């Protein structure tokens, strides 16, 4: 379910220093720009009072926070693998669990944002009563608590592995989720939870999308708001699809490894890392900057300042 997994952990194996340096530079620079965009968006959402008092912007901030943390951890693990650095099992475990937590908060927050938009269009007069700041904060707390409970289950399953038989807690491989979820139960649980998470999230977003379409078609007056919300929900559905595609990242690379040379595979792997794993996490700022007239000027002002400095 998570980031680069086993194939990314071996990205630097067999490559010379120059090749590793070139690949890491070409990959890190665009990823740094994507992380900078997300960080700028987070700063933007703290600049105006309205952003801290509107439910949709509070949910957006939570989504961006989770995505940015995940992107930063992805990049850290990538740099460690390219540098040939091994971690200890405890350190790797903490990093993977945090990355897993933020990765699971993201689609659930998309569901909450989709439901909020559905309520705004379908029940405009009751929206302020149904969707409150206190309720939004409570929902965010429940999301993090639910995902944290899942992490606790993963840790308990991981304890079944006989770590006491290891000669050292120092890992002999690069840190990756596949090397941490090393018991059969862990793998089965991860597959089951991933299916449950994405199927439930997809059903919720699709239901919201269909509901907004019905409202847009049945309304006799201006439906511009409904159309805009419908487009936003469609983009959220695309984001979920891209997130689900990342789960097939390793299987696709494994299939390619039998028909292409290693250096070609490494190049493709790095392209996948940027455009399939990292780029989808940057779609939210782009969506809201291009489509939200309130956020756009504040974001552009914040984004230009660091570049000028």
C-alpha atoms as a PDB file:
ATOM      1  CA  UNK A   1       0.000   0.000   0.000  1.00  0.00           C
ATOM      2  CA  UNK A   2       2.834   2.349   0.696  1.00  0.00           C
ATOM      3  CA  UNK A   3       5.331   4.400  -1.259  1.00  0.00           C
ATOM      4  CA  UNK A   4       8.288   2.741  -2.943  1.00  0.00           C
ATOM      5  CA  UNK A   5       8.389  -0.636  -1.213  1.00  0.00           C
ATOM      6  CA  UNK A   6      10.799  -3.423  -2.000  1.00  0.00           C
ATOM      7  CA  UNK A   7      11.768  -2.370  -5.536  1.00  0.00           C
ATOM      8  CA  UNK A   8      12.692   1.151  -4.462  1.00  0.00           C
ATOM      9  CA  UNK A   9      14.813  -0.233  -1.649  1.00  0.00           C
ATOM     10  CA  UNK A  10      17.154  -1.776  -4.219  1.00  0.00           C
ATOM     11  CA  UNK A  11      17.300   1.258  -6.499  1.00  0.00           C
ATOM     12  CA  UNK A  12      21.005   1.922  -6.000  1.00  0.00           C
ATOM     13  CA  UNK A  13      22.174  -1.690  -6.134  1.00  0.00           C
ATOM     14  CA  UNK A  14      24.757  -2.214  -8.858  1.00  0.00           C
ATOM     15  CA  UNK A  15      25.027   1.458  -9.831  1.00  0.00           C
ATOM     16  CA  UNK A  16      28.189   3.528  -9.740  1.00  0.00           C
ATOM     17  CA  UNK A  17      28.609   6.706  -7.741  1.00  0.00           C
ATOM     18  CA  UNK A  18      28.121   8.975 -10.787  1.00  0.00           C
ATOM     19  CA  UNK A  19      24.938   7.190 -11.846  1.00  0.00           C
ATOM     20  CA  UNK A  20      23.516   7.307  -8.337  1.00  0.00           C
ATOM     21  CA  UNK A  21      24.371  10.999  -7.995  1.00  0.00           C
ATOM     22  CA  UNK A  22      22.795  11.839 -11.364  1.00  0.00           C
ATOM     23  CA  UNK A  23      19.633   9.840 -10.674  1.00  0.00           C
ATOM     24  CA  UNK A  24      19.207  11.230  -7.180  1.00  0.00           C
ATOM     25  CA  UNK A  25      19.675  14.801  -8.455  1.00  0.00           C
ATOM     26  CA  UNK A  26      17.212  14.436 -11.325  1.00  0.00           C
ATOM     27  CA  UNK A  27      14.678  12.857  -8.988  1.00  0.00           C
ATOM     28  CA  UNK A  28      15.187  15.012  -5.900  1.00  0.00           C
ATOM     29  CA  UNK A  29      14.898  18.391  -7.650  1.00  0.00           C
ATOM     30  CA  UNK A  30      11.325  17.922  -8.958  1.00  0.00           C
ATOM     31  CA  UNK A  31      10.323  16.259  -5.685  1.00  0.00           C
ATOM     32  CA  UNK A  32      11.706  19.245  -3.778  1.00  0.00           C
ATOM     33  CA  UNK A  33       9.582  21.564  -5.945  1.00  0.00           C
ATOM     34  CA  UNK A  34       6.474  19.444  -5.263  1.00  0.00           C
ATOM     35  CA  UNK A  35       7.148  19.500  -1.508  1.00  0.00           C
ATOM     36  CA  UNK A  36       7.731  23.278  -1.690  1.00  0.00           C
ATOM     37  CA  UNK A  37       4.326  23.734  -3.350  1.00  0.00           C
ATOM     38  CA  UNK A  38       2.625  21.758  -0.594  1.00  0.00           C
ATOM     39  CA  UNK A  39       4.454  23.630   2.162  1.00  0.00           C
ATOM     40  CA  UNK A  40       3.520  26.963   0.552  1.00  0.00           C
ATOM     41  CA  UNK A  41      -0.108  25.847   0.489  1.00  0.00           C
ATOM     42  CA  UNK A  42       0.066  24.935   4.187  1.00  0.00           C
ATOM     43  CA  UNK A  43       1.456  28.397   4.969  1.00  0.00           C
ATOM     44  CA  UNK A  44      -1.272  29.949   2.808  1.00  0.00           C
ATOM     45  CA  UNK A  45      -4.010  28.220   4.786  1.00  0.00           C
ATOM     46  CA  UNK A  46      -2.623  29.819   7.969  1.00  0.00           C
ATOM     47  CA  UNK A  47      -2.449  33.353   6.561  1.00  0.00           C
ATOM     48  CA  UNK A  48      -6.151  34.272   6.517  1.00  0.00           C
ATOM     49  CA  UNK A  49      -8.661  33.935   9.318  1.00  0.00           C
ATOM     50  CA  UNK A  50     -11.317  32.599   6.958  1.00  0.00           C
ATOM     51  CA  UNK A  51      -9.174  29.551   6.193  1.00  0.00           C
ATOM     52  CA  UNK A  52      -9.152  28.581   9.866  1.00  0.00           C
ATOM     53  CA  UNK A  53     -12.898  29.088  10.270  1.00  0.00           C
ATOM     54  CA  UNK A  54     -14.194  27.235   7.205  1.00  0.00           C
ATOM     55  CA  UNK A  55     -14.643  23.470   7.334  1.00  0.00           C
ATOM     56  CA  UNK A  56     -13.512  22.763   3.773  1.00  0.00           C
ATOM     57  CA  UNK A  57     -10.247  24.641   4.309  1.00  0.00           C
ATOM     58  CA  UNK A  58      -9.645  22.928   7.653  1.00  0.00           C
ATOM     59  CA  UNK A  59     -10.077  19.547   5.960  1.00  0.00           C
ATOM     60  CA  UNK A  60      -7.821  20.691   3.122  1.00  0.00           C
ATOM     61  CA  UNK A  61      -5.117  21.665   5.616  1.00  0.00           C
ATOM     62  CA  UNK A  62      -5.334  18.222   7.228  1.00  0.00           C
ATOM     63  CA  UNK A  63      -5.059  16.534   3.832  1.00  0.00           C
ATOM     64  CA  UNK A  64      -2.061  18.647   2.835  1.00  0.00           C
ATOM     65  CA  UNK A  65      -0.363  18.044   6.166  1.00  0.00           C
ATOM     66  CA  UNK A  66      -0.663  14.264   5.771  1.00  0.00           C
ATOM     67  CA  UNK A  67       0.449  14.364   2.130  1.00  0.00           C
ATOM     68  CA  UNK A  68       3.425  16.630   2.853  1.00  0.00           C
ATOM     69  CA  UNK A  69       4.616  14.454   5.732  1.00  0.00           C
ATOM     70  CA  UNK A  70       4.352  11.392   3.494  1.00  0.00           C
ATOM     71  CA  UNK A  71       6.225  13.102   0.645  1.00  0.00           C
ATOM     72  CA  UNK A  72       9.023  14.161   3.000  1.00  0.00           C
ATOM     73  CA  UNK A  73       9.357  10.626   4.409  1.00  0.00           C
ATOM     74  CA  UNK A  74       9.282   9.143   0.904  1.00  0.00           C
ATOM     75  CA  UNK A  75      12.092  11.438  -0.146  1.00  0.00           C
ATOM     76  CA  UNK A  76      14.101  10.683   2.992  1.00  0.00           C
ATOM     77  CA  UNK A  77      13.876   6.922   2.374  1.00  0.00           C
ATOM     78  CA  UNK A  78      14.748   7.469  -1.274  1.00  0.00           C
ATOM     79  CA  UNK A  79      17.874   9.484  -0.414  1.00  0.00           C
ATOM     80  CA  UNK A  80      18.926   6.864   2.138  1.00  0.00           C
ATOM     81  CA  UNK A  81      18.575   4.090  -0.429  1.00  0.00           C
ATOM     82  CA  UNK A  82      20.492   6.049  -3.077  1.00  0.00           C
ATOM     83  CA  UNK A  83      23.223   6.752  -0.517  1.00  0.00           C
ATOM     84  CA  UNK A  84      23.462   3.091   0.428  1.00  0.00           C
ATOM     85  CA  UNK A  85      22.659   3.764   4.079  1.00  0.00           C
ATOM     86  CA  UNK A  86      21.103   1.059   6.264  1.00  0.00           C
ATOM     87  CA  UNK A  87      18.966   1.826   9.305  1.00  0.00           C
ATOM     88  CA  UNK A  88      18.228  -0.201  12.401  1.00  0.00           C
ATOM     89  CA  UNK A  89      14.924  -2.047  12.633  1.00  0.00           C
ATOM     90  CA  UNK A  90      13.515   0.279  15.349  1.00  0.00           C
ATOM     91  CA  UNK A  91      14.331   3.468  13.398  1.00  0.00           C
ATOM     92  CA  UNK A  92      13.029   2.026  10.150  1.00  0.00           C
ATOM     93  CA  UNK A  93       9.906   0.821  11.929  1.00  0.00           C
ATOM     94  CA  UNK A  94       9.115   4.291  13.289  1.00  0.00           C
ATOM     95  CA  UNK A  95       9.571   5.917   9.862  1.00  0.00           C
ATOM     96  CA  UNK A  96       7.445   3.306   8.109  1.00  0.00           C
ATOM     97  CA  UNK A  97       4.667   3.502  10.695  1.00  0.00           C
ATOM     98  CA  UNK A  98       4.493   7.310  10.419  1.00  0.00           C
ATOM     99  CA  UNK A  99       4.476   7.058   6.625  1.00  0.00           C
ATOM    100  CA  UNK A 100       1.746   4.408   6.765  1.00  0.00           C
ATOM    101  CA  UNK A 101      -0.315   6.556   9.114  1.00  0.00           C
ATOM    102  CA  UNK A 102      -0.180   9.643   6.899  1.00  0.00           C
ATOM    103  CA  UNK A 103      -0.781   7.559   3.781  1.00  0.00           C
ATOM    104  CA  UNK A 104      -4.028   6.209   5.244  1.00  0.00           C
ATOM    105  CA  UNK A 105      -5.250   9.547   6.606  1.00  0.00           C
ATOM    106  CA  UNK A 106      -5.121  11.032   3.094  1.00  0.00           C
ATOM    107  CA  UNK A 107      -7.909   9.011   1.357  1.00  0.00           C
ATOM    108  CA  UNK A 108     -10.128   9.193   4.429  1.00  0.00           C
ATOM    109  CA  UNK A 109      -9.777  12.981   4.450  1.00  0.00           C
ATOM    110  CA  UNK A 110     -10.753  13.017   0.768  1.00  0.00           C
ATOM    111  CA  UNK A 111     -13.923  11.175   1.765  1.00  0.00           C
ATOM    112  CA  UNK A 112     -14.692  13.764   4.450  1.00  0.00           C
ATOM    113  CA  UNK A 113     -14.085  16.609   1.971  1.00  0.00           C
ATOM    114  CA  UNK A 114     -16.365  14.957  -0.593  1.00  0.00           C
ATOM    115  CA  UNK A 115     -19.177  14.501   1.928  1.00  0.00           C
ATOM    116  CA  UNK A 116     -18.802  18.137   3.036  1.00  0.00           C
ATOM    117  CA  UNK A 117     -19.174  19.308  -0.570  1.00  0.00           C
ATOM    118  CA  UNK A 118     -22.208  17.051  -1.031  1.00  0.00           C
ATOM    119  CA  UNK A 119     -23.900  18.569   2.009  1.00  0.00           C
ATOM    120  CA  UNK A 120     -23.066  22.098   0.789  1.00  0.00           C
ATOM    121  CA  UNK A 121     -24.802  21.506  -2.546  1.00  0.00           C
ATOM    122  CA  UNK A 122     -27.660  19.231  -1.482  1.00  0.00           C
ATOM    123  CA  UNK A 123     -28.562  21.019   1.771  1.00  0.00           C
ATOM    124  CA  UNK A 124     -27.337  24.615   1.356  1.00  0.00           C
ATOM    125  CA  UNK A 125     -29.675  26.043   3.996  1.00  0.00           C
ATOM    126  CA  UNK A 126     -28.661  23.472   6.594  1.00  0.00           C
ATOM    127  CA  UNK A 127     -24.977  23.268   5.688  1.00  0.00           C
ATOM    128  CA  UNK A 128     -23.861  25.652   8.445  1.00  0.00           C
ATOM    129  CA  UNK A 129     -25.786  23.604  11.003  1.00  0.00           C
ATOM    130  CA  UNK A 130     -24.658  20.170   9.799  1.00  0.00           C
ATOM    131  CA  UNK A 131     -21.013  21.057   9.084  1.00  0.00           C
ATOM    132  CA  UNK A 132     -19.546  23.018  11.996  1.00  0.00           C
ATOM    133  CA  UNK A 133     -15.967  23.790  13.011  1.00  0.00           C
ATOM    134  CA  UNK A 134     -16.288  21.663  16.138  1.00  0.00           C
ATOM    135  CA  UNK A 135     -17.689  18.786  14.118  1.00  0.00           C
ATOM    136  CA  UNK A 136     -14.930  19.118  11.514  1.00  0.00           C
ATOM    137  CA  UNK A 137     -12.198  19.022  14.152  1.00  0.00           C
ATOM    138  CA  UNK A 138     -13.893  15.993  15.730  1.00  0.00           C
ATOM    139  CA  UNK A 139     -13.981  14.198  12.359  1.00  0.00           C
ATOM    140  CA  UNK A 140     -10.275  14.889  11.824  1.00  0.00           C
ATOM    141  CA  UNK A 141      -9.525  13.535  15.298  1.00  0.00           C
ATOM    142  CA  UNK A 142     -11.527  10.381  14.556  1.00  0.00           C
ATOM    143  CA  UNK A 143      -9.654   9.879  11.266  1.00  0.00           C
ATOM    144  CA  UNK A 144      -6.249  10.071  12.936  1.00  0.00           C
ATOM    145  CA  UNK A 145      -7.414   7.856  15.818  1.00  0.00           C
ATOM    146  CA  UNK A 146      -8.803   5.229  13.431  1.00  0.00           C
ATOM    147  CA  UNK A 147      -5.600   5.160  11.389  1.00  0.00           C
ATOM    148  CA  UNK A 148      -3.512   5.066  14.574  1.00  0.00           C
ATOM    149  CA  UNK A 149      -5.493   2.034  15.715  1.00  0.00           C
ATOM    150  CA  UNK A 150      -4.609   0.353  12.437  1.00  0.00           C
ATOM    151  CA  UNK A 151      -0.929   1.138  13.075  1.00  0.00           C
ATOM    152  CA  UNK A 152      -1.223  -0.428  16.530  1.00  0.00           C
ATOM    153  CA  UNK A 153      -2.601  -3.608  14.975  1.00  0.00           C
ATOM    154  CA  UNK A 154       0.312  -3.679  12.526  1.00  0.00           C
ATOM    155  CA  UNK A 155       2.810  -3.278  15.382  1.00  0.00           C
ATOM    156  CA  UNK A 156       1.205  -6.148  17.319  1.00  0.00           C
ATOM    157  CA  UNK A 157       1.406  -8.369  14.234  1.00  0.00           C
ATOM    158  CA  UNK A 158       5.020  -7.362  13.743  1.00  0.00           C
ATOM    159  CA  UNK A 159       5.888  -8.502  17.277  1.00  0.00           C
ATOM    160  CA  UNK A 160       5.278 -12.096  16.184  1.00  0.00           C
ATOM    161  CA  UNK A 161       8.574 -11.988  14.304  1.00  0.00           C
ATOM    162  CA  UNK A 162      11.430 -13.525  16.360  1.00  0.00           C
ATOM    163  CA  UNK A 163      13.666 -10.443  16.583  1.00  0.00           C
ATOM    164  CA  UNK A 164      15.564 -12.071  19.448  1.00  0.00           C
ATOM    165  CA  UNK A 165      17.071 -14.539  16.972  1.00  0.00           C
ATOM    166  CA  UNK A 166      18.695 -11.767  14.952  1.00  0.00           C
ATOM    167  CA  UNK A 167      22.397 -11.247  15.506  1.00  0.00           C
ATOM    168  CA  UNK A 168      21.907  -7.479  15.290  1.00  0.00           C
ATOM    169  CA  UNK A 169      19.063  -4.995  14.985  1.00  0.00           C
ATOM    170  CA  UNK A 170      20.994  -3.333  12.173  1.00  0.00           C
ATOM    171  CA  UNK A 171      19.169  -3.955   8.890  1.00  0.00           C
ATOM    172  CA  UNK A 172      21.006  -5.646   6.028  1.00  0.00           C
ATOM    173  CA  UNK A 173      18.647  -4.108   3.464  1.00  0.00           C
ATOM    174  CA  UNK A 174      17.302  -0.654   2.751  1.00  0.00           C
ATOM    175  CA  UNK A 175      14.333   0.456   4.821  1.00  0.00           C
ATOM    176  CA  UNK A 176      11.008  -0.310   3.129  1.00  0.00           C
ATOM    177  CA  UNK A 177       7.494  -1.363   4.186  1.00  0.00           C
ATOM    178  CA  UNK A 178       7.906  -4.851   2.722  1.00  0.00           C
ATOM    179  CA  UNK A 179      10.907  -5.498   4.931  1.00  0.00           C
ATOM    180  CA  UNK A 180       9.036  -4.346   8.033  1.00  0.00           C
ATOM    181  CA  UNK A 181       5.801  -6.274   7.433  1.00  0.00           C
ATOM    182  CA  UNK A 182       7.651  -9.570   7.533  1.00  0.00           C
ATOM    183  CA  UNK A 183       5.078 -12.009   8.895  1.00  0.00           C
ATOM    184  CA  UNK A 184       2.409 -13.701   6.736  1.00  0.00           C
ATOM    185  CA  UNK A 185      -0.335 -12.232   8.917  1.00  0.00           C
ATOM    186  CA  UNK A 186       1.081  -8.744   8.352  1.00  0.00           C
ATOM    187  CA  UNK A 187       0.934  -9.182   4.580  1.00  0.00           C
ATOM    188  CA  UNK A 188      -2.604 -10.592   4.683  1.00  0.00           C
ATOM    189  CA  UNK A 189      -3.775  -7.822   6.984  1.00  0.00           C
ATOM    190  CA  UNK A 190      -2.182  -5.144   4.782  1.00  0.00           C
ATOM    191  CA  UNK A 191      -3.915  -6.471   1.657  1.00  0.00           C
ATOM    192  CA  UNK A 192      -7.289  -6.775   3.381  1.00  0.00           C
ATOM    193  CA  UNK A 193      -7.087  -3.319   4.969  1.00  0.00           C
ATOM    194  CA  UNK A 194      -5.970  -1.712   1.697  1.00  0.00           C
ATOM    195  CA  UNK A 195      -8.908  -3.223  -0.187  1.00  0.00           C
ATOM    196  CA  UNK A 196     -11.349  -2.180   2.542  1.00  0.00           C
ATOM    197  CA  UNK A 197      -9.968   1.358   2.690  1.00  0.00           C
ATOM    198  CA  UNK A 198     -10.003   2.113  -1.020  1.00  0.00           C
ATOM    199  CA  UNK A 199     -13.295   0.358  -1.774  1.00  0.00           C
ATOM    200  CA  UNK A 200     -15.037   2.221   1.064  1.00  0.00           C
ATOM    201  CA  UNK A 201     -13.468   5.549   0.079  1.00  0.00           C
ATOM    202  CA  UNK A 202     -14.341   5.072  -3.603  1.00  0.00           C
ATOM    203  CA  UNK A 203     -17.957   4.213  -2.791  1.00  0.00           C
ATOM    204  CA  UNK A 204     -18.287   7.290  -0.565  1.00  0.00           C
ATOM    205  CA  UNK A 205     -16.786   9.680  -3.132  1.00  0.00           C
ATOM    206  CA  UNK A 206     -18.762   8.157  -6.031  1.00  0.00           C
ATOM    207  CA  UNK A 207     -21.989   8.378  -4.021  1.00  0.00           C
ATOM    208  CA  UNK A 208     -21.304  12.049  -3.294  1.00  0.00           C
ATOM    209  CA  UNK A 209     -20.546  12.650  -6.970  1.00  0.00           C
ATOM    210  CA  UNK A 210     -23.784  10.978  -8.090  1.00  0.00           C
ATOM    211  CA  UNK A 211     -25.759  12.910  -5.476  1.00  0.00           C
ATOM    212  CA  UNK A 212     -24.340  16.232  -6.681  1.00  0.00           C
ATOM    213  CA  UNK A 213     -25.103  15.288 -10.304  1.00  0.00           C
ATOM    214  CA  UNK A 214     -28.721  14.609  -9.362  1.00  0.00           C
ATOM    215  CA  UNK A 215     -28.973  17.989  -7.637  1.00  0.00           C
ATOM    216  CA  UNK A 216     -27.386  19.760 -10.618  1.00  0.00           C
ATOM    217  CA  UNK A 217     -29.807  18.173 -13.076  1.00  0.00           C
ATOM    218  CA  UNK A 218     -32.925  18.714 -10.945  1.00  0.00           C
ATOM    219  CA  UNK A 219     -32.219  22.332  -9.991  1.00  0.00           C
ATOM    220  CA  UNK A 220     -34.192  24.886 -11.991  1.00  0.00           C
ATOM    221  CA  UNK A 221     -31.984  27.850 -11.127  1.00  0.00           C
ATOM    222  CA  UNK A 222     -28.237  28.533 -11.249  1.00  0.00           C
ATOM    223  CA  UNK A 223     -26.311  25.279 -10.984  1.00  0.00           C
ATOM    224  CA  UNK A 224     -22.790  26.682 -11.336  1.00  0.00           C
ATOM    225  CA  UNK A 225     -22.003  25.810  -7.717  1.00  0.00           C
ATOM    226  CA  UNK A 226     -23.224  22.247  -8.225  1.00  0.00           C
ATOM    227  CA  UNK A 227     -21.178  21.878 -11.414  1.00  0.00           C
ATOM    228  CA  UNK A 228     -18.058  23.205  -9.697  1.00  0.00           C
ATOM    229  CA  UNK A 229     -18.561  20.809  -6.778  1.00  0.00           C
ATOM    230  CA  UNK A 230     -19.161  17.938  -9.194  1.00  0.00           C
ATOM    231  CA  UNK A 231     -15.856  18.671 -10.928  1.00  0.00           C
ATOM    232  CA  UNK A 232     -14.079  18.827  -7.555  1.00  0.00           C
ATOM    233  CA  UNK A 233     -15.492  15.434  -6.551  1.00  0.00           C
ATOM    234  CA  UNK A 234     -14.438  13.986  -9.897  1.00  0.00           C
ATOM    235  CA  UNK A 235     -10.891  15.214  -9.247  1.00  0.00           C
ATOM    236  CA  UNK A 236     -10.992  13.634  -5.777  1.00  0.00           C
ATOM    237  CA  UNK A 237     -12.052  10.355  -7.399  1.00  0.00           C
ATOM    238  CA  UNK A 238      -9.096  10.599  -9.789  1.00  0.00           C
ATOM    239  CA  UNK A 239      -6.812  11.193  -6.800  1.00  0.00           C
ATOM    240  CA  UNK A 240      -8.113   8.017  -5.157  1.00  0.00           C
ATOM    241  CA  UNK A 241      -7.504   6.105  -8.393  1.00  0.00           C
ATOM    242  CA  UNK A 242      -3.921   7.405  -8.544  1.00  0.00           C
ATOM    243  CA  UNK A 243      -3.383   6.438  -4.908  1.00  0.00           C
ATOM    244  CA  UNK A 244      -4.681   2.963  -5.670  1.00  0.00           C
ATOM    245  CA  UNK A 245      -2.375   2.755  -8.673  1.00  0.00           C
ATOM    246  CA  UNK A 246       0.616   3.234  -6.385  1.00  0.00           C
ATOM    247  CA  UNK A 247      -0.260  -0.099  -4.772  1.00  0.00           C
ATOM    248  CA  UNK A 248       0.379  -1.777  -8.145  1.00  0.00           C
ATOM    249  CA  UNK A 249       3.700   0.042  -8.551  1.00  0.00           C
ATOM    250  CA  UNK A 250       5.866  -2.877  -7.417  1.00  0.00           C
ATOM    251  CA  UNK A 251       3.977  -5.533  -9.390  1.00  0.00           C
ATOM    252  CA  UNK A 252       4.387  -3.484 -12.570  1.00  0.00           C
ATOM    253  CA  UNK A 253       8.117  -3.023 -11.993  1.00  0.00           C
ATOM    254  CA  UNK A 254       8.503  -6.717 -11.230  1.00  0.00           C
ATOM    255  CA  UNK A 255       6.875  -7.606 -14.556  1.00  0.00           C
ATOM    256  CA  UNK A 256       9.108  -5.127 -16.419  1.00  0.00           C
ATOM    257  CA  UNK A 257      12.245  -6.525 -14.775  1.00  0.00           C
ATOM    258  CA  UNK A 258      11.915  -9.694 -16.857  1.00  0.00           C
ATOM    259  CA  UNK A 259      11.940  -7.880 -20.217  1.00  0.00           C
ATOM    260  CA  UNK A 260      14.160  -4.801 -19.828  1.00  0.00           C
ATOM    261  CA  UNK A 261      17.726  -4.166 -18.753  1.00  0.00           C
ATOM    262  CA  UNK A 262      18.493  -3.114 -15.206  1.00  0.00           C
ATOM    263  CA  UNK A 263      19.567   0.434 -16.071  1.00  0.00           C
ATOM    264  CA  UNK A 264      16.371   0.964 -18.073  1.00  0.00           C
ATOM    265  CA  UNK A 265      14.365  -0.442 -15.182  1.00  0.00           C
ATOM    266  CA  UNK A 266      16.054   1.931 -12.721  1.00  0.00           C
ATOM    267  CA  UNK A 267      15.295   4.905 -14.991  1.00  0.00           C
ATOM    268  CA  UNK A 268      11.633   3.845 -15.320  1.00  0.00           C
ATOM    269  CA  UNK A 269      11.485   3.281 -11.580  1.00  0.00           C
ATOM    270  CA  UNK A 270      12.630   6.835 -10.890  1.00  0.00           C
ATOM    271  CA  UNK A 271      10.101   8.241 -13.359  1.00  0.00           C
ATOM    272  CA  UNK A 272       7.359   6.235 -11.638  1.00  0.00           C
ATOM    273  CA  UNK A 273       8.545   7.526  -8.278  1.00  0.00           C
ATOM    274  CA  UNK A 274       8.149  11.158  -9.337  1.00  0.00           C
ATOM    275  CA  UNK A 275       4.954  10.939 -11.399  1.00  0.00           C
ATOM    276  CA  UNK A 276       3.032   8.101  -9.737  1.00  0.00           C
ATOM    277  CA  UNK A 277       4.072   8.330  -6.088  1.00  0.00           C
ATOM    278  CA  UNK A 278       4.998  11.974  -5.490  1.00  0.00           C
ATOM    279  CA  UNK A 279       3.038  14.013  -8.057  1.00  0.00           C
ATOM    280  CA  UNK A 280      -0.481  12.810  -7.040  1.00  0.00           C
ATOM    281  CA  UNK A 281       0.220  14.101  -3.521  1.00  0.00           C
ATOM    282  CA  UNK A 282       0.683  17.573  -5.025  1.00  0.00           C
ATOM    283  CA  UNK A 283      -2.617  17.657  -6.913  1.00  0.00           C
ATOM    284  CA  UNK A 284      -4.595  19.252  -4.086  1.00  0.00           C
ATOM    285  CA  UNK A 285      -2.714  22.586  -4.106  1.00  0.00           C
ATOM    286  CA  UNK A 286      -2.958  22.695  -7.903  1.00  0.00           C
ATOM    287  CA  UNK A 287      -6.688  21.918  -7.832  1.00  0.00           C
ATOM    288  CA  UNK A 288      -7.503  24.592  -5.283  1.00  0.00           C
ATOM    289  CA  UNK A 289      -5.089  27.213  -6.633  1.00  0.00           C
ATOM    290  CA  UNK A 290      -6.562  26.944 -10.118  1.00  0.00           C
ATOM    291  CA  UNK A 291     -10.200  26.737  -9.021  1.00  0.00           C
ATOM    292  CA  UNK A 292     -10.533  28.665  -5.739  1.00  0.00           C
ATOM    293  CA  UNK A 293     -10.506  32.489  -6.119  1.00  0.00           C
ATOM    294  CA  UNK A 294      -9.986  32.951  -2.366  1.00  0.00           C
ATOM    295  CA  UNK A 295      -6.849  30.806  -2.123  1.00  0.00           C
ATOM    296  CA  UNK A 296      -5.266  31.694  -5.472  1.00  0.00           C
ATOM    297  CA  UNK A 297      -3.980  35.244  -4.790  1.00  0.00           C
ATOM    298  CA  UNK A 298      -2.711  34.378  -1.303  1.00  0.00           C
ATOM    299  CA  UNK A 299      -0.932  31.266  -2.559  1.00  0.00           C
ATOM    300  CA  UNK A 300       0.700  33.042  -5.499  1.00  0.00           C
ATOM    301  CA  UNK A 301       1.914  35.807  -3.205  1.00  0.00           C
ATOM    302  CA  UNK A 302       3.432  33.305  -0.755  1.00  0.00           C
ATOM    303  CA  UNK A 303       4.969  31.238  -3.556  1.00  0.00           C
ATOM    304  CA  UNK A 304       6.663  34.208  -5.216  1.00  0.00           C
ATOM    305  CA  UNK A 305       8.228  35.535  -2.012  1.00  0.00           C
ATOM    306  CA  UNK A 306      10.561  32.551  -1.348  1.00  0.00           C
ATOM    307  CA  UNK A 307      11.582  32.515  -5.012  1.00  0.00           C
ATOM    308  CA  UNK A 308      12.414  36.232  -4.950  1.00  0.00           C
ATOM    309  CA  UNK A 309      14.385  35.862  -1.757  1.00  0.00           C
END
